[in-house]
């Protein structure tokens, strides 16, 4: 799912069945740590950006 979308939120991942809140948070945090995603705080939630996919789509 993450590699098809240019961004995601924790709740989207939970709704798609990737796991419960703690699992999804760890998953997204690890992807950010490994430099697959970047995060941006939007109000009270974080939006995780697939910046490499965004760069491809902008070309």
N, C-alpha and C. Protein backbone atom coordinates (compact mmCIF):
# COMPACT_ATOMS: atom_id res chain seq x y z
N UNK A 1 0.81 -1.18 0.00
CA UNK A 1 0.00 0.00 0.00
C UNK A 1 0.86 1.26 0.00
N UNK A 2 1.90 1.30 0.81
CA UNK A 2 2.74 2.49 0.91
C UNK A 2 3.44 2.83 -0.39
N UNK A 3 3.72 1.84 -1.18
CA UNK A 3 4.48 2.09 -2.39
C UNK A 3 3.57 2.38 -3.58
N UNK A 4 2.28 2.45 -3.34
CA UNK A 4 1.32 2.87 -4.37
C UNK A 4 0.84 4.29 -4.13
N UNK A 5 0.90 4.72 -2.88
CA UNK A 5 0.41 6.05 -2.51
C UNK A 5 1.59 6.98 -2.26
N UNK A 6 1.40 8.25 -2.51
CA UNK A 6 2.48 9.18 -2.25
C UNK A 6 2.50 9.64 -0.80
N UNK A 7 1.42 9.41 -0.05
CA UNK A 7 1.42 9.71 1.37
C UNK A 7 0.43 8.82 2.10
N UNK A 8 0.59 8.74 3.41
CA UNK A 8 -0.32 7.94 4.22
C UNK A 8 -0.35 8.49 5.64
N UNK A 9 -1.39 8.14 6.35
CA UNK A 9 -1.51 8.46 7.77
C UNK A 9 -1.61 7.15 8.53
N UNK A 10 -1.37 7.21 9.81
CA UNK A 10 -1.46 5.99 10.62
C UNK A 10 -2.83 5.34 10.49
N UNK A 11 -3.88 6.16 10.53
CA UNK A 11 -5.23 5.60 10.49
C UNK A 11 -5.52 4.90 9.18
N UNK A 12 -5.00 5.40 8.06
CA UNK A 12 -5.18 4.73 6.77
C UNK A 12 -4.60 3.32 6.81
N UNK A 13 -3.42 3.19 7.41
CA UNK A 13 -2.76 1.89 7.49
C UNK A 13 -3.53 0.94 8.40
N UNK A 14 -4.07 1.46 9.47
CA UNK A 14 -4.89 0.64 10.37
C UNK A 14 -6.15 0.18 9.64
N UNK A 15 -6.79 1.10 8.92
CA UNK A 15 -8.01 0.77 8.18
C UNK A 15 -7.75 -0.28 7.09
N UNK A 16 -6.56 -0.29 6.51
CA UNK A 16 -6.21 -1.27 5.47
C UNK A 16 -5.80 -2.61 6.06
N UNK A 17 -5.77 -2.70 7.38
CA UNK A 17 -5.49 -3.99 8.02
C UNK A 17 -4.02 -4.31 8.22
N UNK A 18 -3.16 -3.30 8.22
CA UNK A 18 -1.74 -3.56 8.43
C UNK A 18 -1.41 -3.88 9.89
N UNK A 19 -2.33 -3.61 10.77
CA UNK A 19 -2.11 -3.91 12.19
C UNK A 19 -2.84 -2.93 13.07
N UNK A 20 -2.59 -3.07 14.37
CA UNK A 20 -3.17 -2.14 15.33
C UNK A 20 -2.27 -0.92 15.44
N UNK A 21 -2.67 0.05 16.23
CA UNK A 21 -1.98 1.33 16.31
C UNK A 21 -0.49 1.18 16.63
N UNK A 22 -0.15 0.40 17.62
CA UNK A 22 1.26 0.25 18.01
C UNK A 22 2.08 -0.37 16.88
N UNK A 23 1.54 -1.38 16.22
CA UNK A 23 2.24 -2.04 15.13
C UNK A 23 2.46 -1.09 13.96
N UNK A 24 1.42 -0.37 13.59
CA UNK A 24 1.50 0.58 12.47
C UNK A 24 2.48 1.71 12.79
N UNK A 25 2.46 2.21 14.02
CA UNK A 25 3.39 3.28 14.41
C UNK A 25 4.83 2.80 14.31
N UNK A 26 5.09 1.60 14.80
CA UNK A 26 6.45 1.05 14.71
C UNK A 26 6.88 0.85 13.26
N UNK A 27 5.96 0.35 12.44
CA UNK A 27 6.23 0.10 11.03
C UNK A 27 6.59 1.40 10.30
N UNK A 28 5.76 2.43 10.49
CA UNK A 28 6.00 3.71 9.83
C UNK A 28 7.26 4.38 10.37
N UNK A 29 7.48 4.29 11.66
CA UNK A 29 8.68 4.86 12.28
C UNK A 29 9.94 4.21 11.72
N UNK A 30 9.91 2.89 11.57
CA UNK A 30 11.07 2.19 11.02
C UNK A 30 11.31 2.54 9.55
N UNK A 31 10.24 2.69 8.78
CA UNK A 31 10.39 3.11 7.38
C UNK A 31 10.98 4.52 7.29
N UNK A 32 10.58 5.37 8.22
CA UNK A 32 11.14 6.72 8.26
C UNK A 32 12.62 6.66 8.66
N UNK A 33 12.93 5.84 9.63
CA UNK A 33 14.31 5.70 10.09
C UNK A 33 15.22 5.18 8.98
N UNK A 34 14.70 4.28 8.14
CA UNK A 34 15.48 3.72 7.03
C UNK A 34 15.43 4.59 5.78
N UNK A 35 14.83 5.78 5.91
CA UNK A 35 14.79 6.80 4.85
C UNK A 35 13.92 6.42 3.66
N UNK A 36 12.86 5.66 3.91
CA UNK A 36 11.88 5.40 2.86
C UNK A 36 10.77 6.45 2.87
N UNK A 37 10.50 7.00 4.05
CA UNK A 37 9.44 7.98 4.22
C UNK A 37 9.96 9.20 4.96
N UNK A 38 9.26 10.31 4.79
CA UNK A 38 9.48 11.50 5.60
C UNK A 38 8.15 11.83 6.26
N UNK A 39 8.20 12.42 7.44
CA UNK A 39 6.95 12.74 8.13
C UNK A 39 6.79 14.25 8.27
N UNK A 40 5.53 14.66 8.22
CA UNK A 40 5.15 16.06 8.38
C UNK A 40 3.99 16.08 9.37
N UNK A 41 4.10 16.92 10.39
CA UNK A 41 3.02 17.01 11.36
C UNK A 41 1.90 17.89 10.80
N UNK A 42 0.69 17.34 10.80
CA UNK A 42 -0.50 18.04 10.33
C UNK A 42 -1.51 18.02 11.46
N UNK A 43 -1.71 19.16 12.07
CA UNK A 43 -2.57 19.34 13.23
C UNK A 43 -2.13 18.38 14.34
N UNK A 44 -2.88 17.29 14.58
CA UNK A 44 -2.52 16.36 15.65
C UNK A 44 -1.99 15.04 15.13
N UNK A 45 -1.86 14.90 13.86
CA UNK A 45 -1.43 13.63 13.28
C UNK A 45 -0.21 13.86 12.40
N UNK A 46 0.47 12.79 12.07
CA UNK A 46 1.60 12.86 11.17
C UNK A 46 1.19 12.30 9.82
N UNK A 47 1.65 12.97 8.79
CA UNK A 47 1.46 12.51 7.43
C UNK A 47 2.81 11.99 6.97
N UNK A 48 2.84 10.75 6.52
CA UNK A 48 4.08 10.13 6.08
C UNK A 48 4.14 10.21 4.56
N UNK A 49 5.19 10.86 4.06
CA UNK A 49 5.33 11.11 2.63
C UNK A 49 6.31 10.14 2.00
N UNK A 50 5.88 9.54 0.90
CA UNK A 50 6.76 8.70 0.11
C UNK A 50 7.42 9.63 -0.91
N UNK A 51 8.48 10.30 -0.46
CA UNK A 51 9.08 11.37 -1.25
C UNK A 51 9.74 10.86 -2.52
N UNK A 52 10.18 9.62 -2.55
CA UNK A 52 10.79 9.08 -3.77
C UNK A 52 9.73 8.88 -4.85
N UNK A 53 8.56 8.38 -4.47
CA UNK A 53 7.46 8.23 -5.41
C UNK A 53 6.99 9.59 -5.90
N UNK A 54 6.93 10.57 -4.99
CA UNK A 54 6.52 11.91 -5.38
C UNK A 54 7.48 12.49 -6.42
N UNK A 55 8.77 12.24 -6.27
CA UNK A 55 9.75 12.74 -7.23
C UNK A 55 9.54 12.11 -8.62
N UNK A 56 9.22 10.83 -8.64
CA UNK A 56 8.97 10.14 -9.91
C UNK A 56 7.71 10.70 -10.58
N UNK A 57 6.67 10.92 -9.79
CA UNK A 57 5.41 11.41 -10.33
C UNK A 57 5.52 12.85 -10.84
N UNK A 58 6.43 13.62 -10.25
CA UNK A 58 6.59 15.02 -10.67
C UNK A 58 7.32 15.16 -12.00
N UNK A 59 8.02 14.10 -12.43
CA UNK A 59 8.75 14.16 -13.71
C UNK A 59 7.85 14.10 -14.90
